[in-house]
Amino acid sequence: MSAAVVTVETQTDLSQKLIIHRPSAGLSLQGCIRVPGDKSISHRALMLGAIAQGETEIQGLLLGEDPRSTARCFQAMGAQISELNTELVKVQGIGLGQLQEPVDVLNAGNSGTTLRLMLGLLASHPGRFFTVTGDSSLRSRPMSRVVQPLQQMGAEIWGRKGNSLAPLAVQGQALKPTHYHSPIASAQVKSCILLAGLLTAGKTTVTEPALSRDHSERMLRAFGAELTIDPETNSVTVIGPAQLRGQKVIVPGDISSAAFWLVAGAIVPGSELVVENVGVNPTRTGILEALELMGADIQLENQREVAGEPVADIRVRSSRLKSCTIAGDIIPRMIDEIPILAVAAVFAEGTTMIRDAAELRVKESDRITVMAQQLNKMGAKVSELPDGMEITGGTPLMGTDVDSYTDHRIAMSLAIASLVSTGITTIHRAEAAAISYPDFTATLGKVLSAEC
């Protein structure tokens, strides 16, 4: 089989078109892949390193735009962070409670994790004033989900539309502990409140309706914070004031990035891929469970633990997928992977239902609307639901012009869909992929030429 042709065109405004020409004879994907470091862990390693005492060393950091935003924000508040790279980043922490008042507005770029988690720290620094903003996408995303619980702790935060949208102004205060019952299972909400609790005397507790990813809990413990976890009630408690000390952190590969290759390997006939060194934290493996429900041939190999996080190599072979219903407690454990799961569902027999995922509407784009529109342009049968999608599989896809809407996960999901589409697919604003996966296009080219 001949390889697909992958080209990138950069336009005058620096936006890129990714053009994928699938050969008429078809293709298969073979080889081994290493994906970038986990974005969630990269953010937290930079943040905790910045507020800990002593030096933190980070290996395998994600070099996407989002962690760069986190690094710039904490550098502006006094932390010394060496040049970002995947080999070794050194963070000289300034100590808990010692963030300096920045001379300019803190800019979180496109990163909701940066802005939401950082608010918990800013709000708990008495006597200091901070202003935070982001790009046009981030300025439209809801912040009330973290602002309101922080206000219950005594925080003073102001912003647009009833303090719900950035830019936000924060006047740091001595906060009081709280027990917050979150209406949604969100690692960002939970982490924001736990970080605020680090400087708050007493017990600060977050209870969720379902278990969200637990990277903050694992890393806070590693840095020396005192936490208690009640799995029966999905509750986490941090006891403040805490003492954090710099650590050595090894960041595993991001399962959210691996998900694109797992789906590609499953839906492209004759394929077999191994994605190496992937974090398989149980709070993040919803995508593996969902693909297995659909009949995907996936195996975990070389399972091990690295710096407190479970890691494995994941082998995927092409298989005949079947429809299923994805809903309930699995959704928080795979919320970022639903766009690429929707692509898998297009190639599954029967009708797949994705429910309880209304959170997708307030991501970098309205991912429910955008994925439905763009896949339907290619010939799929996708119907929007208020909290998800109904996807009838089995309809052949055809190459056409599609748009990422500057959403990195949309851009990469459409690229994978194009591998099983006839003809030429052009993905507009494909540069968005660099937010979480700077080498995605290069890796795609290597996989298609079997050079990886």
Protein backbone atom coordinates (compact mmCIF):
# COMPACT_ATOMS: atom_id res chain seq x y z
CA MET A 1 0.00 0.00 0.00
CA SER A 2 1.23 3.50 -0.73
CA ALA A 3 1.56 6.07 2.04
CA ALA A 4 -0.80 8.97 2.49
CA VAL A 5 0.52 12.38 1.53
CA VAL A 6 0.60 14.89 4.40
CA THR A 7 1.38 18.54 3.68
CA VAL A 8 1.14 21.72 5.75
CA GLU A 9 0.49 25.15 4.27
CA THR A 10 1.19 28.23 6.39
CA GLN A 11 -0.90 31.26 5.50
CA THR A 12 -0.06 34.93 5.95
CA ASP A 13 -1.76 35.13 9.36
CA LEU A 14 0.31 32.13 10.55
CA SER A 15 -2.71 29.84 10.53
CA GLN A 16 -2.02 26.47 8.95
CA LYS A 17 -3.87 24.12 6.66
CA LEU A 18 -3.14 20.42 7.16
CA ILE A 19 -3.82 18.55 3.92
CA ILE A 20 -4.08 14.75 4.03
CA HIS A 21 -4.40 12.78 0.80
CA ARG A 22 -5.34 9.17 1.44
CA PRO A 23 -4.24 6.91 -1.42
CA SER A 24 -6.97 5.06 -3.29
CA ALA A 25 -5.25 1.76 -2.50
CA GLY A 26 -5.68 2.43 1.23
CA LEU A 27 -3.01 2.35 3.91
CA SER A 28 -2.04 0.69 7.17
CA LEU A 29 -0.28 2.09 10.22
CA GLN A 30 2.71 0.34 11.78
CA GLY A 31 5.35 1.15 14.33
CA CYS A 32 6.09 2.51 17.81
CA ILE A 33 5.17 6.00 18.99
CA ARG A 34 6.13 8.13 21.97
CA VAL A 35 3.65 10.85 22.80
CA PRO A 36 4.39 14.14 24.61
CA GLY A 37 4.38 14.38 28.39
CA ASP A 38 1.08 14.45 30.22
CA LYS A 39 -0.32 17.98 30.15
CA SER A 40 -2.10 17.76 33.51
CA ILE A 41 1.01 16.50 35.29
CA SER A 42 3.25 19.05 33.52
CA HIS A 43 1.09 21.94 34.75
CA ARG A 44 1.08 20.69 38.31
CA ALA A 45 4.82 19.98 38.40
CA LEU A 46 5.57 23.56 37.34
CA MET A 47 3.08 25.06 39.81
CA LEU A 48 4.06 23.01 42.85
CA GLY A 49 7.74 23.39 42.02
CA ALA A 50 7.27 27.17 41.93
CA ILE A 51 5.63 27.36 45.38
CA ALA A 52 7.73 24.69 47.12
CA GLN A 53 10.94 25.27 49.04
CA GLY A 54 14.07 24.21 47.21
CA GLU A 55 14.61 22.87 43.71
CA THR A 56 12.29 20.72 41.63
CA GLU A 57 13.59 18.75 38.65
CA ILE A 58 11.13 17.79 35.91
CA GLN A 59 11.85 15.22 33.20
CA GLY A 60 9.55 14.65 30.23
CA LEU A 61 7.70 17.98 30.48
CA LEU A 62 5.17 18.70 27.74
CA LEU A 63 6.46 21.52 25.52
CA GLY A 64 3.00 22.64 24.37
CA GLU A 65 1.73 26.18 24.61
CA ASP A 66 -0.35 25.53 27.75
CA PRO A 67 2.56 24.57 30.07
CA ARG A 68 4.53 27.48 28.63
CA SER A 69 1.72 29.76 29.82
CA THR A 70 1.96 28.26 33.30
CA ALA A 71 5.73 28.76 33.38
CA ARG A 72 5.48 32.39 32.26
CA CYS A 73 2.85 33.20 34.90
CA PHE A 74 4.90 31.78 37.77
CA GLN A 75 8.11 33.35 36.51
CA ALA A 76 6.27 36.69 36.63
CA MET A 77 5.55 35.99 40.31
CA GLY A 78 9.15 35.25 41.29
CA ALA A 79 9.84 31.58 40.54
CA GLN A 80 13.02 30.74 38.65
CA ILE A 81 12.30 28.24 35.88
CA SER A 82 14.97 27.11 33.45
CA GLU A 83 14.35 26.93 29.72
CA LEU A 84 11.59 24.42 29.02
CA ASN A 85 12.69 21.17 27.38
CA THR A 86 11.85 17.48 27.58
CA GLU A 87 15.17 16.40 29.13
CA LEU A 88 15.38 18.39 32.36
CA VAL A 89 13.66 21.52 33.65
CA LYS A 90 14.78 23.01 36.96
CA VAL A 91 12.39 25.07 39.07
CA GLN A 92 13.73 27.06 42.00
CA GLY A 93 10.74 27.45 44.28
CA ILE A 94 10.11 30.53 46.36
CA GLY A 95 8.15 28.86 49.14
CA LEU A 96 4.45 28.57 49.91
CA GLY A 97 2.83 31.95 50.43
CA GLN A 98 5.67 33.85 48.79
CA LEU A 99 4.28 34.55 45.31
CA GLN A 100 5.15 38.13 44.41
CA GLU A 101 2.70 40.69 43.14
CA PRO A 102 3.37 40.83 39.37
CA VAL A 103 3.97 44.15 37.65
CA ASP A 104 1.74 43.20 34.71
CA VAL A 105 -1.35 41.16 33.90
CA LEU A 106 -0.83 37.39 34.10
CA ASN A 107 -1.75 35.77 30.79
CA ALA A 108 -2.86 32.12 30.81
CA GLY A 109 -3.11 31.99 27.01
CA ASN A 110 -5.46 29.19 25.99
CA SER A 111 -4.98 27.20 29.19
CA GLY A 112 -8.01 26.73 31.41
CA THR A 113 -5.92 24.58 33.75
CA THR A 114 -3.43 27.40 34.27
CA LEU A 115 -6.08 29.99 35.04
CA ARG A 116 -8.40 27.89 37.20
CA LEU A 117 -5.72 26.23 39.32
CA MET A 118 -3.72 29.43 39.70
CA LEU A 119 -6.76 31.28 41.08
CA GLY A 120 -6.69 29.10 44.20
CA LEU A 121 -3.13 30.19 44.93
CA LEU A 122 -3.61 33.86 44.08
CA ALA A 123 -6.75 34.19 46.20
CA SER A 124 -4.93 32.84 49.28
CA HIS A 125 -2.00 35.30 49.22
CA PRO A 126 -3.03 38.11 51.61
CA GLY A 127 -2.17 41.68 50.71
CA ARG A 128 -1.27 41.01 47.08
CA PHE A 129 -3.19 42.03 43.97
CA PHE A 130 -3.28 40.04 40.74
CA THR A 131 -5.00 40.40 37.39
CA VAL A 132 -5.34 37.36 35.12
CA THR A 133 -6.57 36.95 31.56
CA GLY A 134 -6.25 34.64 28.55
CA ASP A 135 -6.84 34.48 24.83
CA SER A 136 -10.25 35.06 23.26
CA SER A 137 -11.25 31.43 23.74
CA LEU A 138 -10.28 31.33 27.42
CA ARG A 139 -12.00 34.66 28.08
CA SER A 140 -15.29 33.04 27.00
CA ARG A 141 -14.96 29.97 29.24
CA PRO A 142 -16.81 29.83 32.59
CA MET A 143 -14.77 30.67 35.69
CA SER A 144 -17.66 30.85 38.16
CA ARG A 145 -17.17 27.16 38.92
CA VAL A 146 -13.95 28.07 40.77
CA VAL A 147 -14.70 31.68 41.68
CA GLN A 148 -17.82 30.82 43.70
CA PRO A 149 -16.24 28.22 46.02
CA LEU A 150 -13.25 30.52 46.51
CA GLN A 151 -15.62 33.33 47.47
CA GLN A 152 -17.19 30.98 50.03
CA MET A 153 -13.70 30.76 51.55
CA GLY A 154 -13.51 34.58 51.71
CA ALA A 155 -11.77 35.32 48.42
CA GLU A 156 -12.20 38.69 46.73
CA ILE A 157 -12.41 38.18 42.97
CA TRP A 158 -13.96 40.43 40.33
CA GLY A 159 -14.58 39.82 36.64
CA ARG A 160 -16.95 40.20 33.74
CA LYS A 161 -20.53 38.92 33.77
CA GLY A 162 -20.92 38.56 37.51
CA ASN A 163 -17.32 37.55 38.13
CA SER A 164 -17.70 34.56 35.80
CA LEU A 165 -15.41 35.52 32.90
CA ALA A 166 -11.80 36.65 32.56
CA PRO A 167 -10.12 39.06 32.83
CA LEU A 168 -10.32 38.57 36.59
CA ALA A 169 -8.91 40.75 39.36
CA VAL A 170 -7.89 39.06 42.63
CA GLN A 171 -7.18 40.72 45.96
CA GLY A 172 -5.46 38.05 48.07
CA GLN A 173 -6.97 37.26 51.47
CA ALA A 174 -6.46 35.00 54.47
CA LEU A 175 -9.07 32.39 53.55
CA LYS A 176 -11.13 30.21 55.83
CA PRO A 177 -11.46 26.43 55.36
CA THR A 178 -14.53 25.00 53.67
CA HIS A 179 -16.21 21.75 52.72
CA TYR A 180 -17.26 22.25 49.12
CA HIS A 181 -19.75 19.89 47.48
CA SER A 182 -19.00 20.31 43.81
CA PRO A 183 -21.96 19.87 41.45
CA ILE A 184 -19.60 18.54 38.77
CA ALA A 185 -16.73 16.07 38.75
CA SER A 186 -13.90 18.37 37.74
CA ALA A 187 -10.22 17.99 38.52
CA GLN A 188 -9.74 21.70 37.85
CA VAL A 189 -12.35 22.71 40.44
CA LYS A 190 -11.04 20.21 42.99
CA SER A 191 -7.41 21.21 42.43
CA CYS A 192 -8.14 24.94 42.66
CA ILE A 193 -9.76 24.53 46.08
CA LEU A 194 -7.05 22.17 47.35
CA LEU A 195 -4.36 24.65 46.31
CA ALA A 196 -6.23 27.41 48.13
CA GLY A 197 -6.35 25.11 51.16
CA LEU A 198 -2.55 24.85 51.28
CA LEU A 199 -2.37 28.31 52.90
CA THR A 200 -5.62 28.02 54.85
CA ALA A 201 -5.47 26.98 58.50
CA GLY A 202 -7.55 23.85 59.09
CA LYS A 203 -9.22 21.28 56.86
CA THR A 204 -10.37 22.15 53.33
CA THR A 205 -12.49 19.40 51.75
CA VAL A 206 -13.88 18.84 48.27
CA THR A 207 -16.58 16.25 47.59
CA GLU A 208 -17.45 15.35 44.00
CA PRO A 209 -20.39 13.47 42.46
CA ALA A 210 -17.91 11.12 40.76
CA LEU A 211 -14.17 10.59 40.85
CA SER A 212 -12.17 13.03 38.72
CA ARG A 213 -8.49 12.67 37.83
CA ASP A 214 -6.26 12.61 40.89
CA HIS A 215 -2.93 13.99 39.66
CA SER A 216 -3.10 16.88 42.14
CA GLU A 217 -3.60 14.57 45.10
CA ARG A 218 -0.70 12.33 44.08
CA MET A 219 1.67 15.21 43.47
CA LEU A 220 0.66 17.22 46.54
CA ARG A 221 1.45 14.19 48.69
CA ALA A 222 4.78 13.72 46.95
CA PHE A 223 5.66 17.37 47.69
CA GLY A 224 4.78 16.91 51.37
CA ALA A 225 1.20 18.13 51.79
CA GLU A 226 -1.02 16.32 54.29
CA LEU A 227 -4.05 14.88 52.48
CA THR A 228 -6.77 12.43 53.37
CA ILE A 229 -8.91 10.73 50.74
CA ASP A 230 -12.31 9.08 51.24
CA PRO A 231 -13.02 7.02 48.09
CA GLU A 232 -16.49 6.05 49.32
CA THR A 233 -17.68 9.68 49.21
CA ASN A 234 -15.28 10.92 46.50
CA SER A 235 -13.88 13.40 49.03
CA VAL A 236 -10.40 14.85 49.40
CA THR A 237 -9.17 16.92 52.36
CA VAL A 238 -6.01 18.99 52.60
CA ILE A 239 -4.76 20.22 55.97
CA GLY A 240 -3.18 23.64 56.00
CA PRO A 241 -0.98 25.49 56.34
CA ALA A 242 1.24 23.05 54.47
CA GLN A 243 4.96 22.73 53.87
CA LEU A 244 6.04 21.76 50.34
CA ARG A 245 9.54 20.72 49.34
CA GLY A 246 10.97 20.43 45.83
CA GLN A 247 10.93 16.98 44.23
CA LYS A 248 12.10 15.06 41.18
CA VAL A 249 9.17 14.57 38.81
CA ILE A 250 9.10 12.25 35.79
CA VAL A 251 6.17 13.07 33.51
CA PRO A 252 4.70 10.04 31.67
CA GLY A 253 3.24 10.22 28.17
CA ASP A 254 -0.19 11.83 27.96
CA ILE A 255 -3.01 9.32 27.47
CA SER A 256 -5.07 12.12 25.91
CA SER A 257 -2.45 12.35 23.15
CA ALA A 258 -2.09 8.58 22.93
CA ALA A 259 -5.85 8.32 22.34
CA PHE A 260 -5.50 9.65 18.78
CA TRP A 261 -3.12 6.82 17.83
CA LEU A 262 -5.19 4.20 19.68
CA VAL A 263 -8.24 5.12 17.63
CA ALA A 264 -6.17 5.36 14.44
CA GLY A 265 -4.76 1.88 15.03
CA ALA A 266 -8.24 0.52 15.71
CA ILE A 267 -10.01 1.97 12.65
CA VAL A 268 -7.36 1.84 9.90
CA PRO A 269 -7.43 -1.73 8.47
CA GLY A 270 -4.30 -3.83 8.84
CA SER A 271 -2.73 -1.57 11.46
CA GLU A 272 -0.69 -2.36 14.55
CA LEU A 273 0.79 0.39 16.71
CA VAL A 274 2.55 0.49 20.08
CA VAL A 275 2.32 3.72 22.06
CA GLU A 276 5.12 3.67 24.61
CA ASN A 277 5.43 5.08 28.13
CA VAL A 278 1.81 6.19 28.56
CA GLY A 279 0.37 7.23 31.91
CA VAL A 280 -2.46 4.85 32.82
CA ASN A 281 -3.68 6.48 36.01
CA PRO A 282 -7.07 4.82 36.70
CA THR A 283 -8.75 8.24 36.84
CA ARG A 284 -7.69 8.79 33.21
CA THR A 285 -8.27 5.42 31.54
CA GLY A 286 -11.89 5.91 30.53
CA ILE A 287 -10.82 5.98 26.87
CA LEU A 288 -9.32 2.49 27.20
CA GLU A 289 -12.51 1.17 28.78
CA ALA A 290 -14.69 2.82 26.13
CA LEU A 291 -12.63 1.41 23.25
CA GLU A 292 -12.68 -2.04 24.83
CA LEU A 293 -16.48 -1.80 25.10
CA MET A 294 -16.47 -1.13 21.36
CA GLY A 295 -14.41 -4.25 20.75
CA ALA A 296 -11.02 -2.63 20.13
CA ASP A 297 -7.98 -4.93 20.33
CA ILE A 298 -5.91 -3.15 23.00
CA GLN A 299 -3.27 -4.59 25.32
CA LEU A 300 -1.27 -3.00 28.15
CA GLU A 301 2.35 -4.16 28.22
CA ASN A 302 5.37 -3.46 30.44
CA GLN A 303 3.19 -2.06 33.22
CA ARG A 304 5.17 -0.22 35.89
CA GLU A 305 5.10 2.77 38.25
CA VAL A 306 7.12 5.92 37.62
CA ALA A 307 7.25 8.69 40.25
CA GLY A 308 3.96 7.56 41.77
CA GLU A 309 2.08 7.32 38.46
CA PRO A 310 1.19 4.00 36.76
CA VAL A 311 2.70 3.71 33.27
CA ALA A 312 2.46 1.15 30.45
CA ASP A 313 3.09 0.58 26.75
CA ILE A 314 -0.20 0.21 24.87
CA ARG A 315 -0.52 -2.02 21.80
CA VAL A 316 -3.49 -1.59 19.47
CA ARG A 317 -4.44 -3.65 16.42
CA SER A 318 -7.17 -2.86 13.92
CA SER A 319 -10.46 -4.53 14.71
CA ARG A 320 -14.14 -4.49 13.91
CA LEU A 321 -15.78 -2.00 16.26
CA LYS A 322 -19.33 -2.15 17.55
CA SER A 323 -21.55 0.56 18.98
CA CYS A 324 -22.14 1.12 22.68
CA THR A 325 -23.42 3.71 25.16
CA ILE A 326 -20.88 5.88 26.96
CA ALA A 327 -22.33 7.72 29.96
CA GLY A 328 -22.19 8.15 33.71
CA ASP A 329 -19.08 7.89 35.88
CA ILE A 330 -16.79 7.03 32.95
CA ILE A 331 -17.24 10.49 31.40
CA PRO A 332 -15.07 12.49 33.85
CA ARG A 333 -12.30 9.95 33.26
CA MET A 334 -12.26 10.57 29.49
CA ILE A 335 -13.81 14.00 28.92
CA ASP A 336 -10.89 15.23 26.78
CA GLU A 337 -10.91 12.07 24.68
CA ILE A 338 -14.56 12.21 23.60
CA PRO A 339 -13.85 14.03 20.30
CA ILE A 340 -11.58 11.20 19.12
CA LEU A 341 -13.96 8.59 20.54
CA ALA A 342 -16.63 10.14 18.31
CA VAL A 343 -14.37 9.36 15.34
CA ALA A 344 -14.14 5.73 16.46
CA ALA A 345 -17.94 5.60 16.73
CA VAL A 346 -18.26 6.69 13.08
CA PHE A 347 -16.56 3.41 12.14
CA ALA A 348 -18.48 1.21 14.59
CA GLU A 349 -21.44 -0.96 13.63
CA GLY A 350 -24.72 0.41 14.98
CA THR A 351 -25.53 3.59 16.88
CA THR A 352 -23.27 4.87 19.65
CA MET A 353 -24.70 7.15 22.34
CA ILE A 354 -22.50 9.58 24.28
CA ARG A 355 -24.33 11.18 27.22
CA ASP A 356 -23.60 13.16 30.42
CA ALA A 357 -20.90 15.14 28.60
CA ALA A 358 -22.36 18.67 28.60
CA GLU A 359 -18.95 19.84 29.87
CA LEU A 360 -17.78 19.51 26.26
CA ARG A 361 -19.75 22.62 25.36
CA VAL A 362 -17.49 24.87 27.46
CA LYS A 363 -14.08 23.60 26.38
CA GLU A 364 -11.80 25.39 23.88
CA SER A 365 -14.79 25.16 21.55
CA ASP A 366 -18.28 23.72 21.85
CA ARG A 367 -16.91 20.28 21.07
CA ILE A 368 -20.34 18.68 20.69
CA THR A 369 -21.46 21.13 18.01
CA VAL A 370 -18.10 21.36 16.23
CA MET A 371 -17.46 17.60 16.05
CA ALA A 372 -21.00 16.95 14.83
CA GLN A 373 -20.75 19.64 12.14
CA GLN A 374 -17.30 18.69 10.89
CA LEU A 375 -17.85 14.92 10.84
CA ASN A 376 -21.17 15.41 9.07
CA LYS A 377 -19.35 17.47 6.44
CA MET A 378 -17.28 14.35 5.78
CA GLY A 379 -20.41 12.21 5.40
CA ALA A 380 -20.92 10.87 8.91
CA LYS A 381 -24.27 10.64 10.65
CA VAL A 382 -23.88 12.52 13.94
CA SER A 383 -26.76 14.14 15.84
CA GLU A 384 -26.26 16.58 18.69
CA LEU A 385 -27.78 15.89 22.09
CA PRO A 386 -27.88 18.49 24.87
CA ASP A 387 -25.20 16.52 26.74
CA GLY A 388 -23.56 14.48 24.01
CA MET A 389 -23.94 12.89 20.60
CA GLU A 390 -25.76 10.11 18.78
CA ILE A 391 -23.50 8.59 16.14
CA THR A 392 -24.66 6.05 13.56
CA GLY A 393 -21.65 4.19 12.24
CA GLY A 394 -20.94 2.56 8.93
CA THR A 395 -21.23 5.52 6.55
CA PRO A 396 -18.11 5.99 4.38
CA LEU A 397 -16.31 9.30 4.91
CA MET A 398 -15.18 11.56 2.10
CA GLY A 399 -12.37 14.08 2.18
CA THR A 400 -13.44 17.71 2.25
CA ASP A 401 -12.60 21.07 3.88
CA VAL A 402 -13.05 21.04 7.65
CA ASP A 403 -12.12 23.47 10.45
CA SER A 404 -10.58 22.96 13.89
CA TYR A 405 -12.19 26.11 15.33
CA THR A 406 -8.72 26.60 16.93
CA ASP A 407 -9.37 23.60 19.19
CA HIS A 408 -6.37 21.27 19.42
CA ARG A 409 -8.38 18.11 20.06
CA ILE A 410 -10.75 18.86 17.18
CA ALA A 411 -7.80 19.37 14.80
CA MET A 412 -6.19 16.05 15.69
CA SER A 413 -9.47 14.12 15.73
CA LEU A 414 -10.29 15.30 12.20
CA ALA A 415 -6.79 14.33 11.05
CA ILE A 416 -7.34 10.77 12.26
CA ALA A 417 -10.78 10.65 10.60
CA SER A 418 -9.16 11.67 7.31
CA LEU A 419 -7.03 8.51 7.34
CA VAL A 420 -10.17 6.48 6.61
CA SER A 421 -11.74 9.01 4.24
CA THR A 422 -11.53 8.83 0.48
CA GLY A 423 -9.66 11.58 -1.32
CA ILE A 424 -8.22 14.77 0.14
CA THR A 425 -9.09 16.31 3.52
CA THR A 426 -8.01 19.88 4.30
CA ILE A 427 -8.07 20.87 8.00
CA HIS A 428 -8.08 24.64 8.48
CA ARG A 429 -6.45 26.23 11.55
CA ALA A 430 -4.57 22.98 12.14
CA GLU A 431 -1.85 24.83 14.08
CA ALA A 432 -4.09 24.44 17.13
CA ALA A 433 -2.68 20.93 17.62
CA ALA A 434 0.53 22.46 18.99
CA ILE A 435 -1.29 23.53 22.15
CA SER A 436 -0.98 20.02 23.56
CA TYR A 437 0.97 18.08 20.89
CA PRO A 438 3.62 20.17 19.10
CA ASP A 439 4.92 17.24 17.01
CA PHE A 440 1.57 15.78 16.01
CA THR A 441 1.88 16.50 12.29
CA ALA A 442 5.46 15.23 12.16
CA THR A 443 4.48 12.05 14.02
CA LEU A 444 1.55 11.54 11.69
CA GLY A 445 3.89 11.72 8.71
CA LYS A 446 6.27 9.17 10.29
CA VAL A 447 3.46 6.76 11.15
CA LEU A 448 2.14 6.92 7.59
CA SER A 449 5.60 6.24 6.17
CA ALA A 450 6.36 3.57 8.81
CA GLU A 451 9.45 5.51 9.96
CA CYS A 452 8.51 5.82 13.63
